[in-house]
Each structure stands twice: as C-alpha cells, then as structure tokens.
C-alpha cells in the first residue's frame, strides 16, 4: 500500500539519515509540487507501536517542504524527550503529519 506523498517525504527524510545517503532532490520536488514552497503550520509525530517517539512542530517559519524534511529528522533523532530512532524501530514506525491549512486541519498517519 502506498503512502500519501507528504508522509512518504517524511519517511524518506528519515531513511536519508539511516542510510547515510541523499535520497530527496529538494529542487526537483519543488518544481513538481510548487505548493510545497508555502509556509503552513504543521506538526509531525512519530509513533512506534503506538508509543510517541518523536515530535516536531513549526508555526510556518519555513516552507512546507523544508518543514517536513527537517521535522522528520528532528523528531526521529533530536527529540529531547526520546532516544534517537533505531533502524529496527523505524520498520515499525508510523508518522502522523498534521497541517493547519486555511481550509482547515488536514491529518494523515502512516
């Protein structure tokens, strides 16, 4: 089953760290999805077996693309309330992304 695009971006961001290689092409993504240049308030949570393991929130100080990429990495590896996400935990991890758009709140988990 495929994930929604924004959730896949978050997962790929974490994979970049775990695999120690660049996966995402920031410029290509922005060319294909120009709305990701917008600044939108968002929260990103990482759950492992239903336990909150990482959290990131930004009130629209960066582009949505930058927030998703940075936020996923910070939630996975820099959240002071949790230890850094291990590879074995990543396989069981779910990411919840919540956007506060002008049209209302949009939230996905996967």
Protein backbone atom coordinates (compact mmCIF):
# COMPACT_ATOMS: atom_id res chain seq x y z
CA UNK A 1 0.00 0.00 0.00
CA UNK A 2 1.41 3.39 -0.94
CA UNK A 3 1.53 6.31 1.45
CA UNK A 4 0.29 9.83 0.77
CA UNK A 5 3.08 11.87 -0.83
CA UNK A 6 3.78 14.13 2.18
CA UNK A 7 4.05 11.13 4.53
CA UNK A 8 6.39 9.44 2.07
CA UNK A 9 8.57 12.58 2.12
CA UNK A 10 8.82 12.32 5.89
CA UNK A 11 9.70 8.61 5.73
CA UNK A 12 12.29 9.26 3.00
CA UNK A 13 13.84 12.02 5.13
CA UNK A 14 14.43 9.57 7.97
CA UNK A 15 15.74 6.98 5.52
CA UNK A 16 18.33 9.51 4.32
CA UNK A 17 19.82 9.57 7.80
CA UNK A 18 19.60 5.83 8.41
CA UNK A 19 21.14 5.01 5.04
CA UNK A 20 23.64 7.91 5.16
CA UNK A 21 22.86 8.99 1.61
CA UNK A 22 20.84 11.67 -0.16
CA UNK A 23 17.53 10.39 -1.45
CA UNK A 24 15.49 13.57 -1.86
CA UNK A 25 16.06 16.17 -4.58
CA UNK A 26 14.74 19.37 -2.99
CA UNK A 27 14.70 21.39 -6.25
CA UNK A 28 13.03 18.64 -8.30
CA UNK A 29 10.33 18.20 -5.67
CA UNK A 30 9.59 21.95 -5.64
CA UNK A 31 9.42 22.03 -9.45
CA UNK A 32 6.88 19.22 -9.44
CA UNK A 33 4.95 20.39 -6.37
CA UNK A 34 5.14 24.24 -6.18
CA UNK A 35 2.62 24.48 -3.29
CA UNK A 36 5.30 22.95 -1.03
CA UNK A 37 7.03 26.37 -1.14
CA UNK A 38 4.25 27.76 1.06
CA UNK A 39 4.69 28.16 4.79
CA UNK A 40 1.98 26.17 6.57
CA UNK A 41 1.84 25.44 10.31
CA UNK A 42 2.42 21.74 10.91
CA UNK A 43 3.14 19.10 13.47
CA UNK A 44 4.86 15.80 12.89
CA UNK A 45 4.73 12.90 15.33
CA UNK A 46 6.48 9.55 15.14
CA UNK A 47 4.89 6.54 16.80
CA UNK A 48 6.50 3.14 17.36
CA UNK A 49 3.96 0.51 18.38
CA UNK A 50 1.53 3.29 19.34
CA UNK A 51 4.09 4.96 21.64
CA UNK A 52 5.01 8.56 20.82
CA UNK A 53 8.73 8.50 19.96
CA UNK A 54 9.29 11.87 18.35
CA UNK A 55 7.64 15.24 17.93
CA UNK A 56 8.24 18.35 15.84
CA UNK A 57 6.13 21.48 15.43
CA UNK A 58 6.56 24.63 13.38
CA UNK A 59 4.17 27.53 13.09
CA UNK A 60 5.04 28.33 9.45
CA UNK A 61 8.52 29.79 9.73
CA UNK A 62 9.80 27.64 6.81
CA UNK A 63 8.41 26.20 3.59
CA UNK A 64 6.26 23.11 3.99
CA UNK A 65 8.85 21.00 2.16
CA UNK A 66 11.66 22.17 4.42
CA UNK A 67 9.50 21.62 7.49
CA UNK A 68 8.60 18.06 6.54
CA UNK A 69 12.18 17.11 5.74
CA UNK A 70 13.72 18.85 8.74
CA UNK A 71 10.85 17.97 11.05
CA UNK A 72 11.01 14.25 10.33
CA UNK A 73 14.74 14.17 11.04
CA UNK A 74 14.44 16.25 14.21
CA UNK A 75 11.51 14.17 15.51
CA UNK A 76 13.34 10.91 14.76
CA UNK A 77 16.80 11.80 16.03
CA UNK A 78 16.76 15.02 18.08
CA UNK A 79 13.63 15.00 20.22
CA UNK A 80 14.87 15.62 23.78
CA UNK A 81 12.01 13.52 25.19
CA UNK A 82 13.13 10.34 23.37
CA UNK A 83 16.21 8.42 22.39
CA UNK A 84 17.14 8.58 18.68
CA UNK A 85 15.12 6.24 16.50
CA UNK A 86 16.91 2.96 15.76
CA UNK A 87 16.73 1.16 12.44
CA UNK A 88 14.75 -1.71 13.96
CA UNK A 89 12.21 0.75 15.38
CA UNK A 90 11.91 2.55 12.06
CA UNK A 91 10.40 -0.55 10.47
CA UNK A 92 7.53 -0.34 12.99
CA UNK A 93 7.25 3.46 12.92
CA UNK A 94 4.22 5.42 11.81
CA UNK A 95 4.33 9.12 11.08
CA UNK A 96 1.43 11.44 11.74
CA UNK A 97 1.51 14.72 9.84
CA UNK A 98 -0.97 17.47 10.65
CA UNK A 99 -1.25 20.64 8.57
CA UNK A 100 -3.18 23.74 9.58
CA UNK A 101 -4.32 24.99 6.17
CA UNK A 102 -6.61 27.98 5.55
CA UNK A 103 -9.29 25.44 4.55
CA UNK A 104 -8.94 23.55 7.84
CA UNK A 105 -6.84 20.89 9.54
CA UNK A 106 -5.54 18.02 7.42
CA UNK A 107 -4.04 14.99 9.16
CA UNK A 108 -2.65 11.71 7.87
CA UNK A 109 -0.89 8.83 9.59
CA UNK A 110 1.05 6.01 8.07
